[in-house]
Protein backbone atom coordinates (compact mmCIF):
# COMPACT_ATOMS: atom_id res chain seq x y z
CA MET A 1 138.67 63.41 122.49
CA ARG A 2 140.93 63.68 119.66
CA GLN A 3 139.60 60.36 118.21
CA PHE A 4 136.07 61.58 118.36
CA ARG A 5 136.73 64.81 116.58
CA ALA A 6 138.54 63.06 113.78
CA PHE A 7 135.42 60.53 113.69
CA ILE A 8 133.14 63.55 113.14
CA LYS A 9 135.37 64.97 110.55
CA LYS A 10 135.75 61.92 108.59
CA GLU A 11 131.67 61.02 108.86
CA PHE A 12 131.27 64.85 107.70
CA TYR A 13 133.19 64.21 104.90
CA HIS A 14 131.55 61.41 103.70
CA ILE A 15 128.11 62.88 103.96
CA LEU A 16 129.18 65.95 102.18
CA ARG A 17 130.70 63.85 99.21
CA ASP A 18 127.65 62.00 98.57
CA LYS A 19 125.07 64.15 96.88
CA ARG A 20 121.95 61.87 97.78
CA THR A 21 122.66 62.12 101.48
CA ILE A 22 122.90 65.86 101.31
CA LEU A 23 119.36 65.35 99.54
CA ILE A 24 117.73 63.59 102.33
CA LEU A 25 119.17 65.43 105.03
CA LEU A 26 118.32 68.98 103.88
CA VAL A 27 116.03 68.97 101.05
CA MET A 28 113.46 66.23 102.49
CA PRO A 29 112.74 67.89 105.48
CA ILE A 30 111.85 71.39 103.67
CA ILE A 31 109.55 69.47 101.10
CA GLN A 32 107.80 67.61 104.16
CA ILE A 33 107.25 70.83 106.19
CA ILE A 34 105.67 72.44 102.73
CA LEU A 35 103.38 69.72 102.09
CA PHE A 36 102.28 68.99 105.67
CA GLY A 37 101.68 72.76 106.02
CA PHE A 38 99.18 72.77 103.72
CA ALA A 39 97.72 69.23 104.05
CA ILE A 40 97.26 68.92 107.97
CA SER A 41 94.68 71.28 109.28
CA THR A 42 93.23 70.84 112.83
CA GLU A 43 90.11 72.89 112.16
CA VAL A 44 86.78 70.90 112.38
CA ARG A 45 84.17 71.59 109.93
CA ASN A 46 80.60 70.29 109.69
CA ALA A 47 81.22 67.71 112.63
CA GLN A 48 78.02 65.61 113.12
CA ILE A 49 76.02 66.53 116.32
CA ALA A 50 73.19 64.97 117.94
CA ILE A 51 71.05 67.02 120.60
CA PHE A 52 68.91 65.75 123.30
CA ASP A 53 66.33 68.32 124.44
CA PRO A 54 63.67 67.37 127.19
CA SER A 55 62.63 71.02 127.32
CA LYS A 56 61.95 72.02 123.82
CA ASP A 57 61.54 75.67 124.94
CA VAL A 58 62.03 79.00 122.77
CA VAL A 59 65.83 79.19 124.00
CA THR A 60 67.01 75.86 123.66
CA SER A 61 65.47 75.99 119.95
CA SER A 62 67.50 79.37 119.30
CA LEU A 63 70.49 77.54 120.90
CA LYS A 64 70.04 74.68 118.01
CA THR A 65 69.80 77.02 115.23
CA GLN A 66 72.99 78.99 116.56
CA LEU A 67 74.88 75.68 116.40
CA GLN A 68 73.28 74.73 113.22
CA ALA A 69 74.38 77.96 111.64
CA SER A 70 77.91 77.62 112.68
CA PRO A 71 80.07 76.18 109.84
CA TYR A 72 81.43 73.82 112.47
CA PHE A 73 78.39 71.95 113.36
CA SER A 74 75.66 69.91 111.59
CA ILE A 75 72.97 68.88 113.56
CA ALA A 76 72.17 64.98 112.31
CA GLU A 77 70.17 63.95 115.10
CA GLU A 78 67.59 64.91 118.12
CA LEU A 79 67.46 62.07 120.65
CA SER A 80 64.34 61.47 122.37
CA ASP A 81 65.89 59.49 125.27
CA TYR A 82 69.19 60.31 127.39
CA LEU A 83 69.89 56.48 127.09
CA GLN A 84 70.44 56.62 123.07
CA ILE A 85 73.63 58.74 123.77
CA ASN A 86 75.84 55.73 124.31
CA ASP A 87 74.06 53.91 121.28
CA ILE A 88 74.78 56.69 119.20
CA PHE A 89 78.45 56.94 119.91
CA LYS A 90 78.73 53.11 119.10
CA LYS A 91 77.51 53.42 115.75
CA GLY A 92 80.42 56.00 114.96
CA LYS A 93 78.21 58.72 113.33
CA ILE A 94 78.23 61.48 115.88
CA ASN A 95 80.92 63.30 117.12
CA LEU A 96 79.28 65.31 119.87
CA VAL A 97 76.34 65.24 121.73
CA ILE A 98 74.67 68.54 123.68
CA VAL A 99 72.14 67.51 126.50
CA PHE A 100 69.88 70.52 128.03
CA SER A 101 68.41 70.13 131.17
CA GLU A 102 64.63 69.94 131.71
CA ASN A 103 62.92 73.22 131.87
CA PHE A 104 66.10 75.10 130.45
CA ALA A 105 64.56 78.43 130.18
CA GLU A 106 62.62 78.63 133.21
CA ASN A 107 65.94 77.65 135.06
CA LEU A 108 67.83 80.18 133.15
CA PHE A 109 65.53 82.94 133.53
CA HIS A 110 64.14 82.45 137.14
CA THR A 111 67.44 80.86 138.95
CA GLY A 112 70.00 81.73 136.33
CA GLU A 113 71.38 78.11 136.49
CA ALA A 114 70.51 76.31 133.35
CA ALA A 115 72.75 73.33 132.75
CA ILE A 116 73.99 72.09 129.34
CA GLN A 117 75.94 69.01 129.09
CA ILE A 118 78.42 68.47 126.39
CA VAL A 119 79.30 64.69 125.47
CA ALA A 120 82.40 64.25 123.05
CA ASP A 121 83.55 60.90 121.34
CA GLY A 122 86.86 60.50 122.88
CA THR A 123 88.09 58.28 120.33
CA GLU A 124 90.08 61.19 118.73
CA PRO A 125 91.05 63.27 121.75
CA ASN A 126 92.23 66.45 119.68
CA GLN A 127 89.30 66.49 117.80
CA ALA A 128 87.09 66.00 120.87
CA SER A 129 88.96 68.85 122.66
CA ILE A 130 88.20 71.15 119.90
CA LEU A 131 84.68 70.30 119.30
CA VAL A 132 84.02 70.90 123.05
CA THR A 133 85.55 74.27 122.92
CA TYR A 134 83.65 75.44 119.78
CA ALA A 135 80.56 74.23 121.17
CA THR A 136 80.99 76.06 124.53
CA ASN A 137 81.90 79.10 122.96
CA ILE A 138 78.99 79.29 120.80
CA LEU A 139 76.76 78.48 123.30
CA ARG A 140 78.00 80.87 125.71
CA GLN A 141 77.67 83.49 123.19
CA SER A 142 74.30 82.84 122.30
CA ILE A 143 72.93 82.86 125.86
CA ASN A 144 74.84 86.17 126.50
CA ASN A 145 73.66 87.55 122.99
CA SER A 146 71.23 90.15 122.60
CA GLN A 147 68.41 88.55 121.48
CA PHE A 148 67.78 86.97 125.01
CA SER A 149 68.09 90.80 126.17
CA ILE A 150 64.43 91.02 126.22
CA LEU A 151 63.76 88.17 128.00
CA LYS A 152 66.22 88.54 130.72
CA SER A 153 64.89 92.18 131.35
CA GLN A 154 61.72 90.40 132.40
CA PHE A 155 63.36 88.72 135.07
CA SER A 156 65.20 90.79 137.89
CA ASN A 157 67.06 88.09 139.75
CA LEU A 158 68.74 86.51 136.59
CA LYS A 159 72.46 85.77 137.31
CA SER A 160 73.22 85.07 133.70
CA GLN A 161 75.23 82.21 134.58
CA LEU A 162 75.39 79.01 132.38
CA SER A 163 76.95 75.79 133.57
CA ILE A 164 78.24 73.95 130.97
CA VAL A 165 79.71 70.30 131.80
CA ASN A 166 82.34 68.64 129.57
């Protein structure tokens, strides 16, 4: 144990004697923390999304408008077939695809069970997770928003439940 203490003491003397080593040990991490604190951001802006909407009703149009109005998403393409989803991810231009169920508004107001599927490009898992969370929150807030309260009041059996599949 005495030899180990002597070794550590000797190494500290060598480190403290050399100015460049002190610079590397103390100043470089501080500079990196400052630079990376400003340069690295996990916030996503203007992510390119595609939408597959077989129902094309008033509610899905409103939801698309809400997504487009957010600073996080930009609707790049509207798909006409479900099979296009795989192809569009292969091109690498789309980060997220939102799929509305058929007869979305009718299902939402009559049974309260309208489905939205969110498909994310998993090549960057952190970004995909953030995008799915953003889209889920925007869609939930939009569905529960007061703009649908007039339509909701017309249907007494509305459960106000939205099923979002990730």
